[in-house]
Structure formats: structure tokens, C-alpha cells
PDB file of all heavy atoms in Angstrom:
ATOM      1  N   ARG A   1      -8.839 -20.008 -13.194  1.00  0.00           N
ATOM      2  CA  ARG A   1      -8.343 -21.252 -13.830  1.00  0.00           C
ATOM      3  C   ARG A   1      -7.299 -20.926 -14.878  1.00  0.00           C
ATOM      4  O   ARG A   1      -6.274 -21.626 -15.005  1.00  0.00           O
ATOM      5  CB  ARG A   1      -9.514 -22.025 -14.464  1.00  0.00           C
ATOM      6  CG  ARG A   1     -10.402 -22.741 -13.458  1.00  0.00           C
ATOM      7  CD  ARG A   1     -11.402 -23.627 -14.176  1.00  0.00           C
ATOM      8  NE  ARG A   1     -12.571 -22.891 -14.625  1.00  0.00           N
ATOM      9  CZ  ARG A   1     -13.478 -23.377 -15.471  1.00  0.00           C
ATOM     10  NH1 ARG A   1     -13.347 -24.587 -15.988  1.00  0.00           N
ATOM     11  NH2 ARG A   1     -14.551 -22.675 -15.801  1.00  0.00           N
ATOM     12  N   LEU A   2      -7.534 -19.891 -15.630  1.00  0.00           N
ATOM     13  CA  LEU A   2      -6.579 -19.481 -16.667  1.00  0.00           C
ATOM     14  C   LEU A   2      -5.278 -18.974 -16.050  1.00  0.00           C
ATOM     15  O   LEU A   2      -4.180 -19.282 -16.541  1.00  0.00           O
ATOM     16  CB  LEU A   2      -7.212 -18.388 -17.535  1.00  0.00           C
ATOM     17  CG  LEU A   2      -8.351 -18.853 -18.445  1.00  0.00           C
ATOM     18  CD1 LEU A   2      -9.085 -17.656 -19.026  1.00  0.00           C
ATOM     19  CD2 LEU A   2      -7.802 -19.742 -19.578  1.00  0.00           C
ATOM     20  N   ILE A   3      -5.406 -18.218 -14.955  1.00  0.00           N
ATOM     21  CA  ILE A   3      -4.201 -17.696 -14.288  1.00  0.00           C
ATOM     22  C   ILE A   3      -3.385 -18.836 -13.683  1.00  0.00           C
ATOM     23  O   ILE A   3      -2.182 -18.939 -13.858  1.00  0.00           O
ATOM     24  CB  ILE A   3      -4.586 -16.674 -13.210  1.00  0.00           C
ATOM     25  CG1 ILE A   3      -5.240 -15.441 -13.853  1.00  0.00           C
ATOM     26  CG2 ILE A   3      -3.371 -16.271 -12.379  1.00  0.00           C
ATOM     27  CD1 ILE A   3      -5.840 -14.482 -12.851  1.00  0.00           C
ATOM     28  N   ALA A   4      -4.065 -19.722 -12.946  1.00  0.00           N
ATOM     29  CA  ALA A   4      -3.387 -20.804 -12.246  1.00  0.00           C
ATOM     30  C   ALA A   4      -2.697 -21.776 -13.197  1.00  0.00           C
ATOM     31  O   ALA A   4      -1.651 -22.343 -12.882  1.00  0.00           O
ATOM     32  CB  ALA A   4      -4.369 -21.550 -11.347  1.00  0.00           C
ATOM     33  N   SER A   5      -3.280 -21.958 -14.375  1.00  0.00           N
ATOM     34  CA  SER A   5      -2.724 -22.902 -15.339  1.00  0.00           C
ATOM     35  C   SER A   5      -1.594 -22.297 -16.148  1.00  0.00           C
ATOM     36  O   SER A   5      -0.906 -23.012 -16.911  1.00  0.00           O
ATOM     37  CB  SER A   5      -3.832 -23.380 -16.301  1.00  0.00           C
ATOM     38  OG  SER A   5      -4.255 -22.324 -17.141  1.00  0.00           O
ATOM     39  N   GLY A   6      -1.378 -21.004 -16.021  1.00  0.00           N
ATOM     40  CA  GLY A   6      -0.339 -20.342 -16.807  1.00  0.00           C
ATOM     41  C   GLY A   6      -0.756 -20.037 -18.224  1.00  0.00           C
ATOM     42  O   GLY A   6       0.085 -19.706 -19.058  1.00  0.00           O
ATOM     43  N   ALA A   7      -2.039 -20.108 -18.490  1.00  0.00           N
ATOM     44  CA  ALA A   7      -2.526 -19.864 -19.846  1.00  0.00           C
ATOM     45  C   ALA A   7      -2.559 -18.363 -20.181  1.00  0.00           C
ATOM     46  O   ALA A   7      -2.508 -17.986 -21.356  1.00  0.00           O
ATOM     47  CB  ALA A   7      -3.929 -20.454 -20.030  1.00  0.00           C
ATOM     48  N   VAL A   8      -2.654 -17.513 -19.157  1.00  0.00           N
ATOM     49  CA  VAL A   8      -2.660 -16.083 -19.384  1.00  0.00           C
ATOM     50  C   VAL A   8      -1.565 -15.425 -18.574  1.00  0.00           C
ATOM     51  O   VAL A   8      -1.148 -15.941 -17.525  1.00  0.00           O
ATOM     52  CB  VAL A   8      -4.035 -15.442 -19.031  1.00  0.00           C
ATOM     53  CG1 VAL A   8      -5.106 -15.952 -19.952  1.00  0.00           C
ATOM     54  CG2 VAL A   8      -4.401 -15.703 -17.566  1.00  0.00           C
ATOM     55  N   ALA A   9      -1.113 -14.275 -19.034  1.00  0.00           N
ATOM     56  CA  ALA A   9      -0.002 -13.596 -18.404  1.00  0.00           C
ATOM     57  C   ALA A   9      -0.470 -12.325 -17.686  1.00  0.00           C
ATOM     58  O   ALA A   9      -1.553 -11.819 -17.977  1.00  0.00           O
ATOM     59  CB  ALA A   9       1.014 -13.197 -19.471  1.00  0.00           C
ATOM     60  N   PRO A  10       0.327 -11.825 -16.752  1.00  0.00           N
ATOM     61  CA  PRO A  10       0.009 -10.524 -16.155  1.00  0.00           C
ATOM     62  C   PRO A  10      -0.071  -9.453 -17.263  1.00  0.00           C
ATOM     63  O   PRO A  10       0.529  -9.629 -18.334  1.00  0.00           O
ATOM     64  CB  PRO A  10       1.185 -10.270 -15.213  1.00  0.00           C
ATOM     65  CG  PRO A  10       1.783 -11.614 -14.953  1.00  0.00           C
ATOM     66  CD  PRO A  10       1.558 -12.408 -16.201  1.00  0.00           C
ATOM     67  N   VAL A  11      -0.763  -8.376 -16.964  1.00  0.00           N
ATOM     68  CA  VAL A  11      -0.940  -7.320 -17.949  1.00  0.00           C
ATOM     69  C   VAL A  11      -0.333  -6.017 -17.412  1.00  0.00           C
ATOM     70  O   VAL A  11      -0.519  -5.647 -16.233  1.00  0.00           O
ATOM     71  CB  VAL A  11      -2.447  -7.087 -18.230  1.00  0.00           C
ATOM     72  CG1 VAL A  11      -2.684  -5.799 -18.973  1.00  0.00           C
ATOM     73  CG2 VAL A  11      -2.986  -8.265 -19.032  1.00  0.00           C
ATOM     74  N   SER A  12       0.418  -5.329 -18.263  1.00  0.00           N
ATOM     75  CA  SER A  12       0.970  -4.006 -17.902  1.00  0.00           C
ATOM     76  C   SER A  12      -0.108  -2.969 -18.222  1.00  0.00           C
ATOM     77  O   SER A  12      -0.287  -2.551 -19.375  1.00  0.00           O
ATOM     78  CB  SER A  12       2.230  -3.724 -18.704  1.00  0.00           C
ATOM     79  OG  SER A  12       3.265  -4.579 -18.331  1.00  0.00           O
ATOM     80  N   THR A  13      -0.847  -2.556 -17.210  1.00  0.00           N
ATOM     81  CA  THR A  13      -1.941  -1.600 -17.437  1.00  0.00           C
ATOM     82  C   THR A  13      -1.409  -0.247 -17.895  1.00  0.00           C
ATOM     83  O   THR A  13      -2.174   0.538 -18.503  1.00  0.00           O
ATOM     84  CB  THR A  13      -2.791  -1.435 -16.170  1.00  0.00           C
ATOM     85  OG1 THR A  13      -1.964  -1.028 -15.068  1.00  0.00           O
ATOM     86  CG2 THR A  13      -3.468  -2.764 -15.800  1.00  0.00           C
ATOM     87  N   SER A  14      -0.166   0.036 -17.641  1.00  0.00           N
ATOM     88  CA  SER A  14       0.424   1.301 -18.105  1.00  0.00           C
ATOM     89  C   SER A  14       0.489   1.388 -19.636  1.00  0.00           C
ATOM     90  O   SER A  14       0.599   2.488 -20.198  1.00  0.00           O
ATOM     91  CB  SER A  14       1.817   1.476 -17.523  1.00  0.00           C
ATOM     92  OG  SER A  14       2.679   0.447 -17.969  1.00  0.00           O
ATOM     93  N   LEU A  15       0.415   0.223 -20.288  1.00  0.00           N
ATOM     94  CA  LEU A  15       0.430   0.187 -21.741  1.00  0.00           C
ATOM     95  C   LEU A  15      -0.982   0.278 -22.324  1.00  0.00           C
ATOM     96  O   LEU A  15      -1.171   0.177 -23.538  1.00  0.00           O
ATOM     97  CB  LEU A  15       1.092  -1.106 -22.232  1.00  0.00           C
ATOM     98  CG  LEU A  15       2.538  -1.336 -21.766  1.00  0.00           C
ATOM     99  CD1 LEU A  15       3.068  -2.647 -22.331  1.00  0.00           C
ATOM    100  CD2 LEU A  15       3.413  -0.159 -22.202  1.00  0.00           C
ATOM    101  N   ILE A  16      -1.968   0.433 -21.439  1.00  0.00           N
ATOM    102  CA  ILE A  16      -3.395   0.482 -21.853  1.00  0.00           C
ATOM    103  C   ILE A  16      -3.977   1.805 -21.340  1.00  0.00           C
ATOM    104  O   ILE A  16      -4.518   1.876 -20.234  1.00  0.00           O
ATOM    105  CB  ILE A  16      -4.181  -0.724 -21.283  1.00  0.00           C
ATOM    106  CG1 ILE A  16      -3.472  -2.027 -21.691  1.00  0.00           C
ATOM    107  CG2 ILE A  16      -5.603  -0.715 -21.725  1.00  0.00           C
ATOM    108  CD1 ILE A  16      -4.026  -3.270 -21.018  1.00  0.00           C
ATOM    109  N   PRO A  17      -3.851   2.873 -22.118  1.00  0.00           N
ATOM    110  CA  PRO A  17      -4.243   4.210 -21.631  1.00  0.00           C
ATOM    111  C   PRO A  17      -5.660   4.292 -21.077  1.00  0.00           C
ATOM    112  O   PRO A  17      -5.902   5.005 -20.094  1.00  0.00           O
ATOM    113  CB  PRO A  17      -4.059   5.081 -22.886  1.00  0.00           C
ATOM    114  CG  PRO A  17      -3.018   4.381 -23.685  1.00  0.00           C
ATOM    115  CD  PRO A  17      -3.261   2.915 -23.466  1.00  0.00           C
ATOM    116  N   ASN A  18      -6.619   3.604 -21.731  1.00  0.00           N
ATOM    117  CA  ASN A  18      -8.010   3.734 -21.278  1.00  0.00           C
ATOM    118  C   ASN A  18      -8.261   3.027 -19.940  1.00  0.00           C
ATOM    119  O   ASN A  18      -9.333   3.234 -19.319  1.00  0.00           O
ATOM    120  CB  ASN A  18      -8.943   3.142 -22.333  1.00  0.00           C
ATOM    121  CG  ASN A  18      -9.110   4.108 -23.507  1.00  0.00           C
ATOM    122  OD1 ASN A  18      -9.484   5.253 -23.330  1.00  0.00           O
ATOM    123  ND2 ASN A  18      -8.806   3.645 -24.702  1.00  0.00           N
ATOM    124  N   TYR A  19      -7.309   2.260 -19.436  1.00  0.00           N
ATOM    125  CA  TYR A  19      -7.455   1.635 -18.127  1.00  0.00           C
ATOM    126  C   TYR A  19      -7.613   2.681 -17.023  1.00  0.00           C
ATOM    127  O   TYR A  19      -8.256   2.438 -16.019  1.00  0.00           O
ATOM    128  CB  TYR A  19      -6.242   0.752 -17.832  1.00  0.00           C
ATOM    129  CG  TYR A  19      -6.366  -0.070 -16.573  1.00  0.00           C
ATOM    130  CD1 TYR A  19      -7.112  -1.261 -16.573  1.00  0.00           C
ATOM    131  CD2 TYR A  19      -5.729   0.308 -15.388  1.00  0.00           C
ATOM    132  CE1 TYR A  19      -7.231  -2.019 -15.399  1.00  0.00           C
ATOM    133  CE2 TYR A  19      -5.829  -0.452 -14.238  1.00  0.00           C
ATOM    134  CZ  TYR A  19      -6.588  -1.613 -14.260  1.00  0.00           C
ATOM    135  OH  TYR A  19      -6.669  -2.355 -13.097  1.00  0.00           O
ATOM    136  N   ALA A  20      -7.035   3.851 -17.235  1.00  0.00           N
ATOM    137  CA  ALA A  20      -7.090   4.909 -16.223  1.00  0.00           C
ATOM    138  C   ALA A  20      -8.524   5.298 -15.884  1.00  0.00           C
ATOM    139  O   ALA A  20      -8.818   5.742 -14.766  1.00  0.00           O
ATOM    140  CB  ALA A  20      -6.302   6.115 -16.704  1.00  0.00           C
ATOM    141  N   ASN A  21      -9.428   5.158 -16.844  1.00  0.00           N
ATOM    142  CA  ASN A  21     -10.837   5.576 -16.643  1.00  0.00           C
ATOM    143  C   ASN A  21     -11.764   4.431 -16.293  1.00  0.00           C
ATOM    144  O   ASN A  21     -12.984   4.623 -16.219  1.00  0.00           O
ATOM    145  CB  ASN A  21     -11.333   6.279 -17.895  1.00  0.00           C
ATOM    146  CG  ASN A  21     -10.608   7.590 -18.157  1.00  0.00           C
ATOM    147  OD1 ASN A  21     -10.338   8.345 -17.236  1.00  0.00           O
ATOM    148  ND2 ASN A  21     -10.255   7.841 -19.394  1.00  0.00           N
ATOM    149  N   VAL A  22     -11.217   3.237 -16.036  1.00  0.00           N
ATOM    150  CA  VAL A  22     -12.040   2.129 -15.574  1.00  0.00           C
ATOM    151  C   VAL A  22     -12.474   2.401 -14.154  1.00  0.00           C
ATOM    152  O   VAL A  22     -11.700   2.902 -13.310  1.00  0.00           O
ATOM    153  CB  VAL A  22     -11.261   0.795 -15.664  1.00  0.00           C
ATOM    154  CG1 VAL A  22     -11.987  -0.314 -14.928  1.00  0.00           C
ATOM    155  CG2 VAL A  22     -11.032   0.414 -17.108  1.00  0.00           C
ATOM    156  N   PHE A  23     -13.740   2.095 -13.829  1.00  0.00           N
ATOM    157  CA  PHE A  23     -14.237   2.297 -12.468  1.00  0.00           C
ATOM    158  C   PHE A  23     -13.319   1.604 -11.466  1.00  0.00           C
ATOM    159  O   PHE A  23     -12.924   0.427 -11.652  1.00  0.00           O
ATOM    160  CB  PHE A  23     -15.655   1.737 -12.354  1.00  0.00           C
ATOM    161  CG  PHE A  23     -16.693   2.533 -13.042  1.00  0.00           C
ATOM    162  CD1 PHE A  23     -17.308   2.062 -14.202  1.00  0.00           C
ATOM    163  CD2 PHE A  23     -17.103   3.778 -12.551  1.00  0.00           C
ATOM    164  CE1 PHE A  23     -18.270   2.815 -14.863  1.00  0.00           C
ATOM    165  CE2 PHE A  23     -18.073   4.514 -13.197  1.00  0.00           C
ATOM    166  CZ  PHE A  23     -18.676   4.041 -14.361  1.00  0.00           C
ATOM    167  N   GLU A  24     -13.002   2.291 -10.397  1.00  0.00           N
ATOM    168  CA  GLU A  24     -12.097   1.736  -9.367  1.00  0.00           C
ATOM    169  C   GLU A  24     -12.656   0.461  -8.780  1.00  0.00           C
ATOM    170  O   GLU A  24     -11.931  -0.415  -8.350  1.00  0.00           O
ATOM    171  CB  GLU A  24     -11.861   2.762  -8.261  1.00  0.00           C
ATOM    172  CG  GLU A  24     -11.011   3.939  -8.715  1.00  0.00           C
ATOM    173  CD  GLU A  24      -9.603   3.529  -9.197  1.00  0.00           C
ATOM    174  OE1 GLU A  24      -9.007   2.607  -8.573  1.00  0.00           O
ATOM    175  OE2 GLU A  24      -9.144   4.106 -10.183  1.00  0.00           O
ATOM    176  N   GLY A  25     -14.006   0.335  -8.763  1.00  0.00           N
ATOM    177  CA  GLY A  25     -14.636  -0.842  -8.187  1.00  0.00           C
ATOM    178  C   GLY A  25     -14.396  -2.115  -9.000  1.00  0.00           C
ATOM    179  O   GLY A  25     -14.780  -3.216  -8.550  1.00  0.00           O
ATOM    180  N   LEU A  26     -13.756  -1.974 -10.159  1.00  0.00           N
ATOM    181  CA  LEU A  26     -13.487  -3.139 -10.992  1.00  0.00           C
ATOM    182  C   LEU A  26     -12.001  -3.483 -11.085  1.00  0.00           C
ATOM    183  O   LEU A  26     -11.636  -4.498 -11.648  1.00  0.00           O
ATOM    184  CB  LEU A  26     -14.018  -2.887 -12.421  1.00  0.00           C
ATOM    185  CG  LEU A  26     -15.531  -2.967 -12.580  1.00  0.00           C
ATOM    186  CD1 LEU A  26     -15.955  -2.512 -13.993  1.00  0.00           C
ATOM    187  CD2 LEU A  26     -16.042  -4.372 -12.324  1.00  0.00           C
ATOM    188  N   LYS A  27     -11.156  -2.632 -10.523  1.00  0.00           N
ATOM    189  CA  LYS A  27      -9.724  -2.847 -10.639  1.00  0.00           C
ATOM    190  C   LYS A  27      -9.169  -3.684  -9.487  1.00  0.00           C
ATOM    191  O   LYS A  27      -9.624  -3.574  -8.340  1.00  0.00           O
ATOM    192  CB  LYS A  27      -8.984  -1.493 -10.635  1.00  0.00           C
ATOM    193  CG  LYS A  27      -9.261  -0.639 -11.872  1.00  0.00           C
ATOM    194  CD  LYS A  27      -8.524   0.671 -11.770  1.00  0.00           C
ATOM    195  CE  LYS A  27      -8.692   1.528 -13.021  1.00  0.00           C
ATOM    196  NZ  LYS A  27      -7.983   2.837 -12.926  1.00  0.00           N
ATOM    197  N   ASN A  28      -8.196  -4.552  -9.804  1.00  0.00           N
ATOM    198  CA  ASN A  28      -7.479  -5.317  -8.804  1.00  0.00           C
ATOM    199  C   ASN A  28      -8.396  -6.101  -7.881  1.00  0.00           C
ATOM    200  O   ASN A  28      -8.289  -6.034  -6.654  1.00  0.00           O
ATOM    201  CB  ASN A  28      -6.543  -4.414  -7.971  1.00  0.00           C
ATOM    202  CG  ASN A  28      -5.447  -3.827  -8.819  1.00  0.00           C
ATOM    203  OD1 ASN A  28      -4.888  -4.497  -9.692  1.00  0.00           O
ATOM    204  ND2 ASN A  28      -5.112  -2.564  -8.576  1.00  0.00           N
ATOM    205  N   LYS A  29      -9.318  -6.841  -8.476  1.00  0.00           N
ATOM    206  CA  LYS A  29     -10.230  -7.649  -7.715  1.00  0.00           C
ATOM    207  C   LYS A  29      -9.808  -9.136  -7.746  1.00  0.00           C
ATOM    208  O   LYS A  29      -8.949  -9.525  -8.503  1.00  0.00           O
ATOM    209  CB  LYS A  29     -11.661  -7.515  -8.269  1.00  0.00           C
ATOM    210  CG  LYS A  29     -12.190  -6.073  -8.136  1.00  0.00           C
ATOM    211  CD  LYS A  29     -12.160  -5.592  -6.697  1.00  0.00           C
ATOM    212  CE  LYS A  29     -12.642  -4.188  -6.523  1.00  0.00           C
ATOM    213  NZ  LYS A  29     -12.573  -3.727  -5.129  1.00  0.00           N
ATOM    214  N   ALA A  30     -10.476  -9.913  -6.936  1.00  0.00           N
ATOM    215  CA  ALA A  30     -10.051 -11.324  -6.745  1.00  0.00           C
ATOM    216  C   ALA A  30     -10.195 -12.157  -8.021  1.00  0.00           C
ATOM    217  O   ALA A  30      -9.525 -13.175  -8.132  1.00  0.00           O
ATOM    218  CB  ALA A  30     -10.879 -11.958  -5.612  1.00  0.00           C
ATOM    219  N   TRP A  31     -11.029 -11.713  -8.939  1.00  0.00           N
ATOM    220  CA  TRP A  31     -11.236 -12.502 -10.160  1.00  0.00           C
ATOM    221  C   TRP A  31     -10.359 -11.995 -11.339  1.00  0.00           C
ATOM    222  O   TRP A  31     -10.326 -12.633 -12.368  1.00  0.00           O
ATOM    223  CB  TRP A  31     -12.711 -12.481 -10.590  1.00  0.00           C
ATOM    224  CG  TRP A  31     -13.224 -11.095 -10.902  1.00  0.00           C
ATOM    225  CD1 TRP A  31     -13.219 -10.462 -12.113  1.00  0.00           C
ATOM    226  CD2 TRP A  31     -13.800 -10.190  -9.977  1.00  0.00           C
ATOM    227  NE1 TRP A  31     -13.738  -9.204 -11.995  1.00  0.00           N
ATOM    228  CE2 TRP A  31     -14.109  -9.003 -10.706  1.00  0.00           C
ATOM    229  CE3 TRP A  31     -14.096 -10.225  -8.614  1.00  0.00           C
ATOM    230  CZ2 TRP A  31     -14.710  -7.886 -10.113  1.00  0.00           C
ATOM    231  CZ3 TRP A  31     -14.695  -9.102  -8.023  1.00  0.00           C
ATOM    232  CH2 TRP A  31     -14.991  -7.979  -8.774  1.00  0.00           C
ATOM    233  N   ASN A  32      -9.667 -10.868 -11.163  1.00  0.00           N
ATOM    234  CA  ASN A  32      -8.845 -10.381 -12.285  1.00  0.00           C
ATOM    235  C   ASN A  32      -7.431  -9.980 -11.854  1.00  0.00           C
ATOM    236  O   ASN A  32      -6.712  -9.344 -12.645  1.00  0.00           O
ATOM    237  CB  ASN A  32      -9.557  -9.208 -12.983  1.00  0.00           C
ATOM    238  CG  ASN A  32      -9.801  -8.010 -12.073  1.00  0.00           C
ATOM    239  OD1 ASN A  32      -9.124  -7.796 -11.078  1.00  0.00           O
ATOM    240  ND2 ASN A  32     -10.813  -7.215 -12.424  1.00  0.00           N
ATOM    241  N   SER A  33      -7.029 -10.332 -10.634  1.00  0.00           N
ATOM    242  CA  SER A  33      -5.683 -10.026 -10.202  1.00  0.00           C
ATOM    243  C   SER A  33      -5.256 -11.015  -9.137  1.00  0.00           C
ATOM    244  O   SER A  33      -6.056 -11.703  -8.525  1.00  0.00           O
ATOM    245  CB  SER A  33      -5.618  -8.587  -9.636  1.00  0.00           C
ATOM    246  OG  SER A  33      -6.377  -8.491  -8.429  1.00  0.00           O
ATOM    247  N   VAL A  34      -3.947 -11.075  -8.899  1.00  0.00           N
ATOM    248  CA  VAL A  34      -3.394 -11.902  -7.841  1.00  0.00           C
ATOM    249  C   VAL A  34      -2.350 -11.085  -7.096  1.00  0.00           C
ATOM    250  O   VAL A  34      -1.381 -10.598  -7.685  1.00  0.00           O
ATOM    251  CB  VAL A  34      -2.749 -13.203  -8.389  1.00  0.00           C
ATOM    252  CG1 VAL A  34      -2.131 -14.010  -7.265  1.00  0.00           C
ATOM    253  CG2 VAL A  34      -3.794 -14.041  -9.132  1.00  0.00           C
ATOM    254  N   ASN A  35      -2.585 -10.904  -5.811  1.00  0.00           N
ATOM    255  CA  ASN A  35      -1.638 -10.156  -4.963  1.00  0.00           C
ATOM    256  C   ASN A  35      -1.291  -8.783  -5.561  1.00  0.00           C
ATOM    257  O   ASN A  35      -0.137  -8.349  -5.560  1.00  0.00           O
ATOM    258  CB  ASN A  35      -0.377 -10.960  -4.734  1.00  0.00           C
ATOM    259  CG  ASN A  35      -0.670 -12.273  -4.012  1.00  0.00           C
ATOM    260  OD1 ASN A  35      -1.542 -12.325  -3.143  1.00  0.00           O
ATOM    261  ND2 ASN A  35       0.044 -13.328  -4.351  1.00  0.00           N
ATOM    262  N   GLY A  36      -2.318  -8.113  -6.063  1.00  0.00           N
ATOM    263  CA  GLY A  36      -2.142  -6.772  -6.601  1.00  0.00           C
ATOM    264  C   GLY A  36      -1.613  -6.695  -8.021  1.00  0.00           C
ATOM    265  O   GLY A  36      -1.459  -5.601  -8.557  1.00  0.00           O
ATOM    266  N   VAL A  37      -1.351  -7.841  -8.645  1.00  0.00           N
ATOM    267  CA  VAL A  37      -0.882  -7.875 -10.027  1.00  0.00           C
ATOM    268  C   VAL A  37      -2.061  -8.085 -10.956  1.00  0.00           C
ATOM    269  O   VAL A  37      -2.788  -9.101 -10.837  1.00  0.00           O
ATOM    270  CB  VAL A  37       0.167  -8.992 -10.232  1.00  0.00           C
ATOM    271  CG1 VAL A  37       0.602  -9.065 -11.706  1.00  0.00           C
ATOM    272  CG2 VAL A  37       1.375  -8.758  -9.331  1.00  0.00           C
ATOM    273  N   ALA A  38      -2.297  -7.162 -11.885  1.00  0.00           N
ATOM    274  CA  ALA A  38      -3.431  -7.254 -12.798  1.00  0.00           C
ATOM    275  C   ALA A  38      -3.183  -8.337 -13.845  1.00  0.00           C
ATOM    276  O   ALA A  38      -2.093  -8.463 -14.391  1.00  0.00           O
ATOM    277  CB  ALA A  38      -3.674  -5.911 -13.465  1.00  0.00           C
ATOM    278  N   TYR A  39      -4.230  -9.119 -14.123  1.00  0.00           N
ATOM    279  CA  TYR A  39      -4.173 -10.142 -15.167  1.00  0.00           C
ATOM    280  C   TYR A  39      -5.159  -9.853 -16.298  1.00  0.00           C
ATOM    281  O   TYR A  39      -5.534 -10.736 -17.030  1.00  0.00           O
ATOM    282  CB  TYR A  39      -4.420 -11.517 -14.593  1.00  0.00           C
ATOM    283  CG  TYR A  39      -3.187 -12.165 -14.012  1.00  0.00           C
ATOM    284  CD1 TYR A  39      -2.714 -11.791 -12.751  1.00  0.00           C
ATOM    285  CD2 TYR A  39      -2.458 -13.111 -14.739  1.00  0.00           C
ATOM    286  CE1 TYR A  39      -1.564 -12.390 -12.225  1.00  0.00           C
ATOM    287  CE2 TYR A  39      -1.323 -13.694 -14.212  1.00  0.00           C
ATOM    288  CZ  TYR A  39      -0.872 -13.306 -12.965  1.00  0.00           C
ATOM    289  OH  TYR A  39       0.266 -13.875 -12.442  1.00  0.00           O
ATOM    290  N   GLY A  40      -5.563  -8.610 -16.428  1.00  0.00           N
ATOM    291  CA  GLY A  40      -6.470  -8.274 -17.491  1.00  0.00           C
ATOM    292  C   GLY A  40      -7.118  -6.930 -17.288  1.00  0.00           C
ATOM    293  O   GLY A  40      -6.826  -6.214 -16.306  1.00  0.00           O
ATOM    294  N   VAL A  41      -8.046  -6.568 -18.183  1.00  0.00           N
ATOM    295  CA  VAL A  41      -8.751  -5.297 -18.064  1.00  0.00           C
ATOM    296  C   VAL A  41     -10.255  -5.604 -17.994  1.00  0.00           C
ATOM    297  O   VAL A  41     -10.783  -6.418 -18.754  1.00  0.00           O
ATOM    298  CB  VAL A  41      -8.467  -4.382 -19.263  1.00  0.00           C
ATOM    299  CG1 VAL A  41      -6.985  -3.971 -19.233  1.00  0.00           C
ATOM    300  CG2 VAL A  41      -8.822  -5.001 -20.581  1.00  0.00           C
ATOM    301  N   PRO A  42     -10.968  -4.967 -17.067  1.00  0.00           N
ATOM    302  CA  PRO A  42     -12.396  -5.211 -16.892  1.00  0.00           C
ATOM    303  C   PRO A  42     -13.186  -4.736 -18.126  1.00  0.00           C
ATOM    304  O   PRO A  42     -12.888  -3.723 -18.714  1.00  0.00           O
ATOM    305  CB  PRO A  42     -12.754  -4.377 -15.670  1.00  0.00           C
ATOM    306  CG  PRO A  42     -11.454  -4.176 -14.949  1.00  0.00           C
ATOM    307  CD  PRO A  42     -10.422  -4.059 -16.042  1.00  0.00           C
ATOM    308  N   HIS A  43     -14.186  -5.541 -18.464  1.00  0.00           N
ATOM    309  CA  HIS A  43     -15.028  -5.246 -19.645  1.00  0.00           C
ATOM    310  C   HIS A  43     -16.350  -4.626 -19.252  1.00  0.00           C
ATOM    311  O   HIS A  43     -16.859  -3.748 -19.960  1.00  0.00           O
ATOM    312  CB  HIS A  43     -15.250  -6.566 -20.387  1.00  0.00           C
ATOM    313  CG  HIS A  43     -16.219  -6.466 -21.518  1.00  0.00           C
ATOM    314  ND1 HIS A  43     -15.799  -6.386 -22.831  1.00  0.00           N
ATOM    315  CD2 HIS A  43     -17.575  -6.432 -21.582  1.00  0.00           C
ATOM    316  CE1 HIS A  43     -16.843  -6.307 -23.636  1.00  0.00           C
ATOM    317  NE2 HIS A  43     -17.935  -6.337 -22.899  1.00  0.00           N
TER     318      HIS A  43
END
């Protein structure tokens, strides 16, 4: 809902060093990305 409404922006994961160690099973999923573009970091 936040993505579709334009309330949140895509995220440059390259600017978030700790993203590299996030479990792969949480990256680029249907609830946190669109067409391979990340919209956040998994918690």
C-alpha cells in the first residue's frame, strides 16, 4: 500500500553496508520489492 501510493521510495541497498549479511530468504520478496527493485531492508 505504501509503495503503490508513492509514500515510500526505492532504497539503494549499496548505501546500507549491513544489508549484505541479511538472509537471502528475506531479500527481494513480494512484500518488500517490485520487479527486483528493493523498497526497504528486512527487519
